[in-house]
Amino acid sequence: MAQREDVTDGLCNPQIAITPGQLLGLVCRKGGAECPLIDAESAQEILARLAEDPTVTIQLVSHCDELRHYTQETDDQRRAESPQDVLDRKRDLDVLQRLGLCPGDTRRSRYIFELLFDRVETPHGICAHDTEGWEGCALATSGAFESVRSQGWDAVVYCRSDEEREEFRERNVREIMEGDRIYVRPHHLMCMSCWYAGGEASGLRPNDTLAEILQRMRQDPEVEIVLVEGPCSACDCCDGFHPDTGRCVHAGGLIRDYKKDLDCFQKLGMMPGDSLPAREMMELLFERIPSTREICAYGDGVVMSTEWRICGGPEGNAGYAKTVETGVFGEGYEP
């Protein structure tokens, strides 16, 4: 597959490589502790970058799976290894196990720190132990990690302000209501339909402009809907949208949503950039995709991992089923 030359910030291009232990060290440094796992200059540089850009990709590296076979070293060589090296390997694997990741895995920074703070409450029991010879880092009980964790992931990684998001919403709504076409990723038409629930929904949605897109479609069923792959007209006010890059920073970029888009394209028999009038687009969507199980539950309703969790339940979203039955162009909808 040819690589797009204009895109260099994907998950396969890690921008920062650190050990899982150093991930904890960054937080401790942020909390004021002089963590020995990462020097102050490196920590400051990384933390400054994360505070400006939530799209930064972090690869967690460890050499724990590169140990030699026992016949390739002597007992003296084994005993000569620093106990700290052994503790470091255990620390790395402890962190990876908590995160559900493996050596070499890469995630965007927001996802990593959301996951870290959700699953690791304290470095005690990871960086230090009560066992003689395994005492580890004395700073593990300093409270530095916990003080940052209590503030949330956005104490480490950039988060958009409410004012900026509202500004983008206003601009985006003007484009939706006044433009001659609307750019939408196909699975977002399904999200809109789940929410609409056959006419039961009301009000605006805080994290996207799907309600406004539906309003425009209902006012003008012939407005052109252009299907795109990736963030679309509904995304600009989302807390997980990064305007500088156009990237989604939720959960590694919500990579499962990219699969949903491509699965929708395949079911619809369409390609990115294809378009139809809104009424025809929704009729085709409901004809070809009668249940969210086919797209949002991957057809089998089985959750393979956190990154591939399903949406709307393994048997499909009831709200979507109602909208398939009623359509979206009936009477009585007021956003």
C-alpha atoms as a PDB file:
ATOM      1  CA  MET A   1       0.000   0.000   0.000  1.00  0.00           C
ATOM      2  CA  ALA A   2       1.377   3.394  -0.939  1.00  0.00           C
ATOM      3  CA  GLN A   3       1.951   5.757   1.969  1.00  0.00           C
ATOM      4  CA  ARG A   4       0.406   9.198   1.673  1.00  0.00           C
ATOM      5  CA  GLU A   5       3.296  11.631   1.630  1.00  0.00           C
ATOM      6  CA  ASP A   6       1.267  14.419   3.272  1.00  0.00           C
ATOM      7  CA  VAL A   7       0.469  12.394   6.390  1.00  0.00           C
ATOM      8  CA  THR A   8       3.299  11.643   8.830  1.00  0.00           C
ATOM      9  CA  ASP A   9       1.673  11.715  12.270  1.00  0.00           C
ATOM     10  CA  GLY A  10      -0.169   8.395  12.341  1.00  0.00           C
ATOM     11  CA  LEU A  11       0.028   5.690  14.985  1.00  0.00           C
ATOM     12  CA  CYS A  12       2.692   3.854  12.978  1.00  0.00           C
ATOM     13  CA  ASN A  13       5.028   6.835  13.321  1.00  0.00           C
ATOM     14  CA  PRO A  14       5.751   7.164  17.059  1.00  0.00           C
ATOM     15  CA  GLN A  15       7.071  10.588  17.995  1.00  0.00           C
ATOM     16  CA  ILE A  16       8.154   9.696  21.532  1.00  0.00           C
ATOM     17  CA  ALA A  17       9.568   6.351  22.686  1.00  0.00           C
ATOM     18  CA  ILE A  18       9.792   5.732  26.437  1.00  0.00           C
ATOM     19  CA  THR A  19       9.639   2.758  28.752  1.00  0.00           C
ATOM     20  CA  PRO A  20       6.404   2.057  30.614  1.00  0.00           C
ATOM     21  CA  GLY A  21       8.241   2.918  33.809  1.00  0.00           C
ATOM     22  CA  GLN A  22       9.192   6.298  32.398  1.00  0.00           C
ATOM     23  CA  LEU A  23       5.498   6.932  31.777  1.00  0.00           C
ATOM     24  CA  LEU A  24       5.052   6.839  35.540  1.00  0.00           C
ATOM     25  CA  GLY A  25       8.226   8.883  35.897  1.00  0.00           C
ATOM     26  CA  LEU A  26       6.789  11.679  33.772  1.00  0.00           C
ATOM     27  CA  VAL A  27       3.824  11.963  36.120  1.00  0.00           C
ATOM     28  CA  CYS A  28       6.040  11.919  39.198  1.00  0.00           C
ATOM     29  CA  ARG A  29       8.243  14.626  37.682  1.00  0.00           C
ATOM     30  CA  LYS A  30       5.110  16.636  36.939  1.00  0.00           C
ATOM     31  CA  GLY A  31       4.163  16.218  40.597  1.00  0.00           C
ATOM     32  CA  GLY A  32       7.516  17.549  41.797  1.00  0.00           C
ATOM     33  CA  ALA A  33       9.383  14.316  42.529  1.00  0.00           C
ATOM     34  CA  GLU A  34      12.897  13.851  41.120  1.00  0.00           C
ATOM     35  CA  CYS A  35      12.158  10.476  39.570  1.00  0.00           C
ATOM     36  CA  PRO A  36      15.348   8.547  38.713  1.00  0.00           C
ATOM     37  CA  LEU A  37      13.686   6.836  35.735  1.00  0.00           C
ATOM     38  CA  ILE A  38      13.801   9.924  33.539  1.00  0.00           C
ATOM     39  CA  ASP A  39      16.050  12.962  33.825  1.00  0.00           C
ATOM     40  CA  ALA A  40      14.594  16.386  34.471  1.00  0.00           C
ATOM     41  CA  GLU A  41      15.489  17.848  31.069  1.00  0.00           C
ATOM     42  CA  SER A  42      13.933  14.991  29.092  1.00  0.00           C
ATOM     43  CA  ALA A  43      10.830  15.010  31.271  1.00  0.00           C
ATOM     44  CA  GLN A  44      10.416  18.763  30.894  1.00  0.00           C
ATOM     45  CA  GLU A  45      10.762  18.549  27.121  1.00  0.00           C
ATOM     46  CA  ILE A  46       8.198  15.749  26.798  1.00  0.00           C
ATOM     47  CA  LEU A  47       5.724  17.329  29.225  1.00  0.00           C
ATOM     48  CA  ALA A  48       5.930  20.654  27.379  1.00  0.00           C
ATOM     49  CA  ARG A  49       5.159  18.895  24.129  1.00  0.00           C
ATOM     50  CA  LEU A  50       2.196  17.003  25.576  1.00  0.00           C
ATOM     51  CA  ALA A  51       0.789  20.214  27.023  1.00  0.00           C
ATOM     52  CA  GLU A  52       0.617  21.668  23.511  1.00  0.00           C
ATOM     53  CA  ASP A  53      -0.341  18.709  21.328  1.00  0.00           C
ATOM     54  CA  PRO A  54      -2.648  15.801  22.281  1.00  0.00           C
ATOM     55  CA  THR A  55      -1.954  14.042  18.973  1.00  0.00           C
ATOM     56  CA  VAL A  56       1.614  13.155  19.961  1.00  0.00           C
ATOM     57  CA  THR A  57       2.142   9.419  19.584  1.00  0.00           C
ATOM     58  CA  ILE A  58       3.915   7.578  22.397  1.00  0.00           C
ATOM     59  CA  GLN A  59       5.502   4.174  21.948  1.00  0.00           C
ATOM     60  CA  LEU A  60       6.074   2.095  25.081  1.00  0.00           C
ATOM     61  CA  VAL A  61       9.307   0.160  24.665  1.00  0.00           C
ATOM     62  CA  SER A  62      10.869  -2.572  26.776  1.00  0.00           C
ATOM     63  CA  HIS A  63      13.576  -5.170  26.289  1.00  0.00           C
ATOM     64  CA  CYS A  64      11.953  -7.625  28.656  1.00  0.00           C
ATOM     65  CA  ASP A  65      11.402 -10.172  25.883  1.00  0.00           C
ATOM     66  CA  GLU A  66      15.042 -10.109  24.730  1.00  0.00           C
ATOM     67  CA  LEU A  67      16.576 -12.157  27.548  1.00  0.00           C
ATOM     68  CA  ARG A  68      19.095 -14.794  26.578  1.00  0.00           C
ATOM     69  CA  HIS A  69      18.493 -18.522  26.857  1.00  0.00           C
ATOM     70  CA  TYR A  70      19.964 -19.887  30.087  1.00  0.00           C
ATOM     71  CA  THR A  71      22.648 -21.807  28.147  1.00  0.00           C
ATOM     72  CA  GLN A  72      23.957 -18.573  26.673  1.00  0.00           C
ATOM     73  CA  GLU A  73      25.198 -17.127  29.964  1.00  0.00           C
ATOM     74  CA  THR A  74      26.900 -18.341  33.108  1.00  0.00           C
ATOM     75  CA  ASP A  75      25.668 -18.172  36.684  1.00  0.00           C
ATOM     76  CA  ASP A  76      28.298 -15.505  37.355  1.00  0.00           C
ATOM     77  CA  GLN A  77      26.921 -13.420  34.487  1.00  0.00           C
ATOM     78  CA  ARG A  78      23.410 -13.765  35.832  1.00  0.00           C
ATOM     79  CA  ARG A  79      24.472 -12.758  39.328  1.00  0.00           C
ATOM     80  CA  ALA A  80      26.418  -9.804  37.928  1.00  0.00           C
ATOM     81  CA  GLU A  81      23.282  -8.196  36.540  1.00  0.00           C
ATOM     82  CA  SER A  82      22.127  -5.185  38.491  1.00  0.00           C
ATOM     83  CA  PRO A  83      19.095  -5.880  40.705  1.00  0.00           C
ATOM     84  CA  GLN A  84      17.790  -2.534  39.467  1.00  0.00           C
ATOM     85  CA  ASP A  85      17.655  -3.898  35.914  1.00  0.00           C
ATOM     86  CA  VAL A  86      15.505  -6.779  37.127  1.00  0.00           C
ATOM     87  CA  LEU A  87      13.202  -4.402  39.002  1.00  0.00           C
ATOM     88  CA  ASP A  88      12.968  -2.195  35.914  1.00  0.00           C
ATOM     89  CA  ARG A  89      11.830  -5.136  33.786  1.00  0.00           C
ATOM     90  CA  LYS A  90       9.180  -6.059  36.318  1.00  0.00           C
ATOM     91  CA  ARG A  91       8.024  -2.449  36.530  1.00  0.00           C
ATOM     92  CA  ASP A  92       7.680  -2.247  32.755  1.00  0.00           C
ATOM     93  CA  LEU A  93       5.615  -5.409  32.604  1.00  0.00           C
ATOM     94  CA  ASP A  94       3.498  -4.387  35.596  1.00  0.00           C
ATOM     95  CA  VAL A  95       2.566  -1.143  33.856  1.00  0.00           C
ATOM     96  CA  LEU A  96       1.914  -2.829  30.513  1.00  0.00           C
ATOM     97  CA  GLN A  97      -0.277  -5.443  32.167  1.00  0.00           C
ATOM     98  CA  ARG A  98      -2.352  -2.751  33.896  1.00  0.00           C
ATOM     99  CA  LEU A  99      -2.765  -0.905  30.607  1.00  0.00           C
ATOM    100  CA  GLY A 100      -3.534  -4.033  28.600  1.00  0.00           C
ATOM    101  CA  LEU A 101      -0.673  -3.251  26.211  1.00  0.00           C
ATOM    102  CA  CYS A 102       2.506  -4.927  24.962  1.00  0.00           C
ATOM    103  CA  PRO A 103       6.089  -3.757  24.354  1.00  0.00           C
ATOM    104  CA  GLY A 104       6.185  -1.642  21.209  1.00  0.00           C
ATOM    105  CA  ASP A 105       2.536  -0.573  21.362  1.00  0.00           C
ATOM    106  CA  THR A 106       1.886   3.006  20.302  1.00  0.00           C
ATOM    107  CA  ARG A 107      -1.013   5.224  21.332  1.00  0.00           C
ATOM    108  CA  ARG A 108      -1.770   8.923  21.194  1.00  0.00           C
ATOM    109  CA  SER A 109      -0.814  10.796  24.357  1.00  0.00           C
ATOM    110  CA  ARG A 110      -4.328  11.581  25.566  1.00  0.00           C
ATOM    111  CA  TYR A 111      -5.341   7.939  25.350  1.00  0.00           C
ATOM    112  CA  ILE A 112      -2.254   6.756  27.221  1.00  0.00           C
ATOM    113  CA  PHE A 113      -2.752   9.113  30.144  1.00  0.00           C
ATOM    114  CA  GLU A 114      -6.503   8.560  30.342  1.00  0.00           C
ATOM    115  CA  LEU A 115      -5.816   4.835  30.528  1.00  0.00           C
ATOM    116  CA  LEU A 116      -2.937   5.235  32.976  1.00  0.00           C
ATOM    117  CA  PHE A 117      -4.921   7.317  35.459  1.00  0.00           C
ATOM    118  CA  ASP A 118      -7.897   4.990  35.163  1.00  0.00           C
ATOM    119  CA  ARG A 119      -5.911   1.849  35.928  1.00  0.00           C
ATOM    120  CA  VAL A 120      -2.949   2.925  38.077  1.00  0.00           C
ATOM    121  CA  GLU A 121      -3.831   4.677  41.336  1.00  0.00           C
ATOM    122  CA  THR A 122      -0.350   4.699  42.857  1.00  0.00           C
ATOM    123  CA  PRO A 123       3.198   3.675  41.904  1.00  0.00           C
ATOM    124  CA  HIS A 124       3.537   1.821  45.202  1.00  0.00           C
ATOM    125  CA  GLY A 125       3.429  -1.867  44.342  1.00  0.00           C
ATOM    126  CA  ILE A 126       4.870  -1.094  40.913  1.00  0.00           C
ATOM    127  CA  CYS A 127       7.948   1.057  41.512  1.00  0.00           C
ATOM    128  CA  ALA A 128       8.498  -0.146  45.077  1.00  0.00           C
ATOM    129  CA  HIS A 129       7.614  -3.214  47.117  1.00  0.00           C
ATOM    130  CA  ASP A 130       7.620  -4.283  50.748  1.00  0.00           C
ATOM    131  CA  THR A 131       9.808  -7.313  49.978  1.00  0.00           C
ATOM    132  CA  GLU A 132      13.417  -7.166  51.182  1.00  0.00           C
ATOM    133  CA  GLY A 133      15.724  -6.517  48.240  1.00  0.00           C
ATOM    134  CA  TRP A 134      12.827  -5.164  46.189  1.00  0.00           C
ATOM    135  CA  GLU A 135      12.332  -1.882  48.018  1.00  0.00           C
ATOM    136  CA  GLY A 136      12.712   0.070  44.772  1.00  0.00           C
ATOM    137  CA  CYS A 137      12.083   3.804  44.556  1.00  0.00           C
ATOM    138  CA  ALA A 138      11.605   5.701  47.816  1.00  0.00           C
ATOM    139  CA  LEU A 139       9.549   8.301  45.940  1.00  0.00           C
ATOM    140  CA  ALA A 140       6.814   5.777  45.194  1.00  0.00           C
ATOM    141  CA  THR A 141       5.061   6.841  48.389  1.00  0.00           C
ATOM    142  CA  SER A 142       5.754  10.574  48.032  1.00  0.00           C
ATOM    143  CA  GLY A 143       2.274  11.304  46.709  1.00  0.00           C
ATOM    144  CA  ALA A 144       3.669  13.054  43.616  1.00  0.00           C
ATOM    145  CA  PHE A 145       1.980  10.661  41.191  1.00  0.00           C
ATOM    146  CA  GLU A 146      -1.309  10.733  43.082  1.00  0.00           C
ATOM    147  CA  SER A 147      -1.379  14.545  43.176  1.00  0.00           C
ATOM    148  CA  VAL A 148      -1.280  14.736  39.376  1.00  0.00           C
ATOM    149  CA  ARG A 149      -3.650  11.809  38.877  1.00  0.00           C
ATOM    150  CA  SER A 150      -6.272  13.515  41.036  1.00  0.00           C
ATOM    151  CA  GLN A 151      -6.339  16.418  38.547  1.00  0.00           C
ATOM    152  CA  GLY A 152      -7.065  14.160  35.587  1.00  0.00           C
ATOM    153  CA  TRP A 153      -5.390  13.435  32.265  1.00  0.00           C
ATOM    154  CA  ASP A 154      -5.672  17.053  31.148  1.00  0.00           C
ATOM    155  CA  ALA A 155      -3.186  18.035  33.849  1.00  0.00           C
ATOM    156  CA  VAL A 156      -0.610  16.429  31.544  1.00  0.00           C
ATOM    157  CA  VAL A 157      -2.068  16.538  28.019  1.00  0.00           C
ATOM    158  CA  TYR A 158      -3.584  19.511  26.189  1.00  0.00           C
ATOM    159  CA  CYS A 159      -7.370  19.856  26.290  1.00  0.00           C
ATOM    160  CA  ARG A 160      -9.427  22.376  24.312  1.00  0.00           C
ATOM    161  CA  SER A 161     -11.149  25.196  26.170  1.00  0.00           C
ATOM    162  CA  ASP A 162     -14.932  25.482  26.244  1.00  0.00           C
ATOM    163  CA  GLU A 163     -14.624  28.909  24.609  1.00  0.00           C
ATOM    164  CA  GLU A 164     -12.670  27.537  21.661  1.00  0.00           C
ATOM    165  CA  ARG A 165     -15.090  24.668  21.204  1.00  0.00           C
ATOM    166  CA  GLU A 166     -18.057  27.038  21.168  1.00  0.00           C
ATOM    167  CA  GLU A 167     -16.344  29.252  18.615  1.00  0.00           C
ATOM    168  CA  PHE A 168     -15.801  26.258  16.351  1.00  0.00           C
ATOM    169  CA  ARG A 169     -19.400  25.132  16.860  1.00  0.00           C
ATOM    170  CA  GLU A 170     -20.757  28.490  15.733  1.00  0.00           C
ATOM    171  CA  ARG A 171     -18.576  28.504  12.642  1.00  0.00           C
ATOM    172  CA  ASN A 172     -19.392  24.894  11.854  1.00  0.00           C
ATOM    173  CA  VAL A 173     -23.148  25.413  12.234  1.00  0.00           C
ATOM    174  CA  ARG A 174     -23.032  28.303   9.762  1.00  0.00           C
ATOM    175  CA  GLU A 175     -21.320  26.055   7.238  1.00  0.00           C
ATOM    176  CA  ILE A 176     -23.862  23.278   7.805  1.00  0.00           C
ATOM    177  CA  MET A 177     -26.922  25.518   7.544  1.00  0.00           C
ATOM    178  CA  GLU A 178     -25.727  27.747   4.693  1.00  0.00           C
ATOM    179  CA  GLY A 179     -23.490  25.561   2.518  1.00  0.00           C
ATOM    180  CA  ASP A 180     -24.616  23.689  -0.588  1.00  0.00           C
ATOM    181  CA  ARG A 181     -23.173  20.423   0.718  1.00  0.00           C
ATOM    182  CA  ILE A 182     -22.399  18.738   4.041  1.00  0.00           C
ATOM    183  CA  TYR A 183     -19.333  16.572   4.580  1.00  0.00           C
ATOM    184  CA  VAL A 184     -20.096  13.616   6.850  1.00  0.00           C
ATOM    185  CA  ARG A 185     -18.314  10.384   7.695  1.00  0.00           C
ATOM    186  CA  PRO A 186     -20.816   7.587   6.995  1.00  0.00           C
ATOM    187  CA  HIS A 187     -20.904   6.040  10.452  1.00  0.00           C
ATOM    188  CA  HIS A 188     -21.874   9.463  11.851  1.00  0.00           C
ATOM    189  CA  LEU A 189     -25.110   9.195   9.896  1.00  0.00           C
ATOM    190  CA  MET A 190     -25.706   6.068  11.967  1.00  0.00           C
ATOM    191  CA  CYS A 191     -24.826   7.896  15.213  1.00  0.00           C
ATOM    192  CA  MET A 192     -27.305  10.603  14.240  1.00  0.00           C
ATOM    193  CA  SER A 193     -29.972   7.968  13.631  1.00  0.00           C
ATOM    194  CA  CYS A 194     -29.309   6.206  16.953  1.00  0.00           C
ATOM    195  CA  TRP A 195     -29.729   9.507  18.761  1.00  0.00           C
ATOM    196  CA  TYR A 196     -32.840  10.522  16.792  1.00  0.00           C
ATOM    197  CA  ALA A 197     -34.544   7.259  17.886  1.00  0.00           C
ATOM    198  CA  GLY A 198     -37.498   7.612  15.567  1.00  0.00           C
ATOM    199  CA  GLY A 199     -38.199  11.168  16.726  1.00  0.00           C
ATOM    200  CA  GLU A 200     -37.643  10.840  20.479  1.00  0.00           C
ATOM    201  CA  ALA A 201     -34.509  13.014  20.624  1.00  0.00           C
ATOM    202  CA  SER A 202     -34.568  16.731  21.350  1.00  0.00           C
ATOM    203  CA  GLY A 203     -32.108  19.534  21.943  1.00  0.00           C
ATOM    204  CA  LEU A 204     -28.521  19.860  20.766  1.00  0.00           C
ATOM    205  CA  ARG A 205     -25.657  17.461  21.323  1.00  0.00           C
ATOM    206  CA  PRO A 206     -22.787  18.893  23.394  1.00  0.00           C
ATOM    207  CA  ASN A 207     -19.883  17.188  21.627  1.00  0.00           C
ATOM    208  CA  ASP A 208     -20.873  17.312  17.950  1.00  0.00           C
ATOM    209  CA  THR A 209     -23.189  19.010  15.468  1.00  0.00           C
ATOM    210  CA  LEU A 210     -25.184  15.977  14.345  1.00  0.00           C
ATOM    211  CA  ALA A 211     -28.429  17.584  15.530  1.00  0.00           C
ATOM    212  CA  GLU A 212     -27.750  20.576  13.291  1.00  0.00           C
ATOM    213  CA  ILE A 213     -26.891  18.302  10.367  1.00  0.00           C
ATOM    214  CA  LEU A 214     -30.196  16.502  10.853  1.00  0.00           C
ATOM    215  CA  GLN A 215     -32.019  19.825  11.072  1.00  0.00           C
ATOM    216  CA  ARG A 216     -30.520  20.954   7.744  1.00  0.00           C
ATOM    217  CA  MET A 217     -31.349  17.618   6.124  1.00  0.00           C
ATOM    218  CA  ARG A 218     -34.952  17.861   7.280  1.00  0.00           C
ATOM    219  CA  GLN A 219     -35.245  21.439   6.048  1.00  0.00           C
ATOM    220  CA  ASP A 220     -33.654  20.562   2.722  1.00  0.00           C
ATOM    221  CA  PRO A 221     -33.875  16.825   1.876  1.00  0.00           C
ATOM    222  CA  GLU A 222     -32.058  17.524  -1.396  1.00  0.00           C
ATOM    223  CA  VAL A 223     -28.935  18.999   0.207  1.00  0.00           C
ATOM    224  CA  GLU A 224     -25.888  17.087  -0.985  1.00  0.00           C
ATOM    225  CA  ILE A 225     -24.266  14.754   1.531  1.00  0.00           C
ATOM    226  CA  VAL A 226     -20.629  14.063   0.718  1.00  0.00           C
ATOM    227  CA  LEU A 227     -19.191  11.023   2.491  1.00  0.00           C
ATOM    228  CA  VAL A 228     -15.673  11.415   3.881  1.00  0.00           C
ATOM    229  CA  GLU A 229     -13.283   9.135   5.712  1.00  0.00           C
ATOM    230  CA  GLY A 230     -12.239  10.541   9.076  1.00  0.00           C
ATOM    231  CA  PRO A 231     -13.235  13.677  11.034  1.00  0.00           C
ATOM    232  CA  CYS A 232     -16.070  15.538   9.353  1.00  0.00           C
ATOM    233  CA  SER A 233     -18.490  18.466   9.691  1.00  0.00           C
ATOM    234  CA  ALA A 234     -19.863  17.007  12.911  1.00  0.00           C
ATOM    235  CA  CYS A 235     -16.502  16.938  14.705  1.00  0.00           C
ATOM    236  CA  ASP A 236     -15.191  20.487  14.993  1.00  0.00           C
ATOM    237  CA  CYS A 237     -16.643  21.294  18.440  1.00  0.00           C
ATOM    238  CA  CYS A 238     -15.678  17.954  20.013  1.00  0.00           C
ATOM    239  CA  ASP A 239     -13.311  17.932  22.991  1.00  0.00           C
ATOM    240  CA  GLY A 240     -11.380  15.188  21.175  1.00  0.00           C
ATOM    241  CA  PHE A 241     -10.867  17.168  17.957  1.00  0.00           C
ATOM    242  CA  HIS A 242      -7.505  18.876  17.469  1.00  0.00           C
ATOM    243  CA  PRO A 243      -7.994  21.830  15.105  1.00  0.00           C
ATOM    244  CA  ASP A 244      -4.317  22.320  14.258  1.00  0.00           C
ATOM    245  CA  THR A 245      -4.035  18.855  12.725  1.00  0.00           C
ATOM    246  CA  GLY A 246      -7.658  17.825  12.098  1.00  0.00           C
ATOM    247  CA  ARG A 247      -6.989  14.733  14.177  1.00  0.00           C
ATOM    248  CA  CYS A 248      -9.287  12.884  16.563  1.00  0.00           C
ATOM    249  CA  VAL A 249      -7.407  12.260  19.809  1.00  0.00           C
ATOM    250  CA  HIS A 250      -9.987  10.110  21.595  1.00  0.00           C
ATOM    251  CA  ALA A 251      -8.786   6.563  22.389  1.00  0.00           C
ATOM    252  CA  GLY A 252      -5.901   6.470  19.948  1.00  0.00           C
ATOM    253  CA  GLY A 253      -7.933   8.416  17.422  1.00  0.00           C
ATOM    254  CA  LEU A 254     -10.943   6.129  17.862  1.00  0.00           C
ATOM    255  CA  ILE A 255      -9.421   3.831  15.292  1.00  0.00           C
ATOM    256  CA  ARG A 256     -12.516   1.635  15.475  1.00  0.00           C
ATOM    257  CA  ASP A 257     -14.480   4.498  13.947  1.00  0.00           C
ATOM    258  CA  TYR A 258     -12.263   4.369  10.884  1.00  0.00           C
ATOM    259  CA  LYS A 259     -13.237   0.721  10.495  1.00  0.00           C
ATOM    260  CA  LYS A 260     -16.894   1.668  10.926  1.00  0.00           C
ATOM    261  CA  ASP A 261     -16.536   4.206   8.122  1.00  0.00           C
ATOM    262  CA  LEU A 262     -14.939   1.685   5.786  1.00  0.00           C
ATOM    263  CA  ASP A 263     -17.491  -0.983   6.679  1.00  0.00           C
ATOM    264  CA  CYS A 264     -20.247   1.546   5.887  1.00  0.00           C
ATOM    265  CA  PHE A 265     -18.645   2.428   2.551  1.00  0.00           C
ATOM    266  CA  GLN A 266     -18.507  -1.248   1.652  1.00  0.00           C
ATOM    267  CA  LYS A 267     -22.125  -1.877   2.631  1.00  0.00           C
ATOM    268  CA  LEU A 268     -23.288   1.206   0.735  1.00  0.00           C
ATOM    269  CA  GLY A 269     -21.213   0.365  -2.316  1.00  0.00           C
ATOM    270  CA  MET A 270     -19.662   3.839  -2.186  1.00  0.00           C
ATOM    271  CA  MET A 271     -16.220   5.414  -1.857  1.00  0.00           C
ATOM    272  CA  PRO A 272     -14.888   8.487  -0.020  1.00  0.00           C
ATOM    273  CA  GLY A 273     -15.959  11.591  -1.889  1.00  0.00           C
ATOM    274  CA  ASP A 274     -19.145  10.015  -3.265  1.00  0.00           C
ATOM    275  CA  SER A 275     -22.348  11.929  -2.597  1.00  0.00           C
ATOM    276  CA  LEU A 276     -26.125  11.749  -2.758  1.00  0.00           C
ATOM    277  CA  PRO A 277     -29.000  14.044  -1.828  1.00  0.00           C
ATOM    278  CA  ALA A 278     -29.811  13.647   1.867  1.00  0.00           C
ATOM    279  CA  ARG A 279     -33.095  11.811   1.315  1.00  0.00           C
ATOM    280  CA  GLU A 280     -31.505   9.280  -1.048  1.00  0.00           C
ATOM    281  CA  MET A 281     -28.490   8.854   1.237  1.00  0.00           C
ATOM    282  CA  MET A 282     -30.609   8.019   4.267  1.00  0.00           C
ATOM    283  CA  GLU A 283     -32.847   5.662   2.271  1.00  0.00           C
ATOM    284  CA  LEU A 284     -29.769   3.814   1.008  1.00  0.00           C
ATOM    285  CA  LEU A 285     -28.268   3.700   4.509  1.00  0.00           C
ATOM    286  CA  PHE A 286     -31.373   2.158   6.068  1.00  0.00           C
ATOM    287  CA  GLU A 287     -31.815  -0.270   3.185  1.00  0.00           C
ATOM    288  CA  ARG A 288     -28.235  -1.558   3.240  1.00  0.00           C
ATOM    289  CA  ILE A 289     -27.558  -1.272   7.006  1.00  0.00           C
ATOM    290  CA  PRO A 290     -30.746  -2.133   8.947  1.00  0.00           C
ATOM    291  CA  SER A 291     -28.962  -2.649  12.300  1.00  0.00           C
ATOM    292  CA  THR A 292     -25.956  -1.176  14.099  1.00  0.00           C
ATOM    293  CA  ARG A 293     -24.858  -4.737  14.873  1.00  0.00           C
ATOM    294  CA  GLU A 294     -23.472  -4.989  11.357  1.00  0.00           C
ATOM    295  CA  ILE A 295     -21.168  -1.988  11.773  1.00  0.00           C
ATOM    296  CA  CYS A 296     -20.823  -0.902  15.400  1.00  0.00           C
ATOM    297  CA  ALA A 297     -20.743  -4.447  16.814  1.00  0.00           C
ATOM    298  CA  TYR A 298     -18.659  -5.789  13.914  1.00  0.00           C
ATOM    299  CA  GLY A 299     -21.341  -8.275  12.921  1.00  0.00           C
ATOM    300  CA  ASP A 300     -20.716 -10.644  15.827  1.00  0.00           C
ATOM    301  CA  GLY A 301     -21.058  -8.475  18.950  1.00  0.00           C
ATOM    302  CA  VAL A 302     -17.694  -9.664  20.303  1.00  0.00           C
ATOM    303  CA  VAL A 303     -15.366  -7.190  22.064  1.00  0.00           C
ATOM    304  CA  MET A 304     -11.780  -8.034  21.125  1.00  0.00           C
ATOM    305  CA  SER A 305     -10.102  -5.330  23.225  1.00  0.00           C
ATOM    306  CA  THR A 306     -10.641  -1.909  24.788  1.00  0.00           C
ATOM    307  CA  GLU A 307      -9.734  -0.264  21.504  1.00  0.00           C
ATOM    308  CA  TRP A 308     -12.316  -2.372  19.661  1.00  0.00           C
ATOM    309  CA  ARG A 309     -15.193  -2.110  22.120  1.00  0.00           C
ATOM    310  CA  ILE A 310     -18.626  -2.080  20.548  1.00  0.00           C
ATOM    311  CA  CYS A 311     -21.253   0.668  20.583  1.00  0.00           C
ATOM    312  CA  GLY A 312     -25.007   0.326  20.970  1.00  0.00           C
ATOM    313  CA  GLY A 313     -24.988  -3.211  22.351  1.00  0.00           C
ATOM    314  CA  PRO A 314     -24.085  -6.551  20.733  1.00  0.00           C
ATOM    315  CA  GLU A 315     -27.549  -6.962  19.213  1.00  0.00           C
ATOM    316  CA  GLY A 316     -27.814  -3.414  17.877  1.00  0.00           C
ATOM    317  CA  ASN A 317     -29.028  -0.021  19.070  1.00  0.00           C
ATOM    318  CA  ALA A 318     -32.802   0.193  19.608  1.00  0.00           C
ATOM    319  CA  GLY A 319     -32.806   3.894  18.728  1.00  0.00           C
ATOM    320  CA  TYR A 320     -31.333   3.161  15.319  1.00  0.00           C
ATOM    321  CA  ALA A 321     -33.940   0.459  14.723  1.00  0.00           C
ATOM    322  CA  LYS A 322     -36.705   2.976  15.464  1.00  0.00           C
ATOM    323  CA  THR A 323     -35.236   5.470  13.024  1.00  0.00           C
ATOM    324  CA  VAL A 324     -34.902   2.824  10.318  1.00  0.00           C
ATOM    325  CA  GLU A 325     -38.622   2.201  10.773  1.00  0.00           C
ATOM    326  CA  THR A 326     -39.716   5.861  10.813  1.00  0.00           C
ATOM    327  CA  GLY A 327     -37.061   7.554   8.699  1.00  0.00           C
ATOM    328  CA  VAL A 328     -35.834  11.049   9.557  1.00  0.00           C
ATOM    329  CA  PHE A 329     -38.036  13.167   7.302  1.00  0.00           C
ATOM    330  CA  GLY A 330     -41.341  12.886   9.161  1.00  0.00           C
ATOM    331  CA  GLU A 331     -43.178  15.609  11.040  1.00  0.00           C
ATOM    332  CA  GLY A 332     -42.652  16.954  14.525  1.00  0.00           C
ATOM    333  CA  TYR A 333     -38.877  17.266  14.928  1.00  0.00           C
ATOM    334  CA  GLU A 334     -37.581  20.408  16.636  1.00  0.00           C
ATOM    335  CA  PRO A 335     -33.822  20.412  17.441  1.00  0.00           C
END
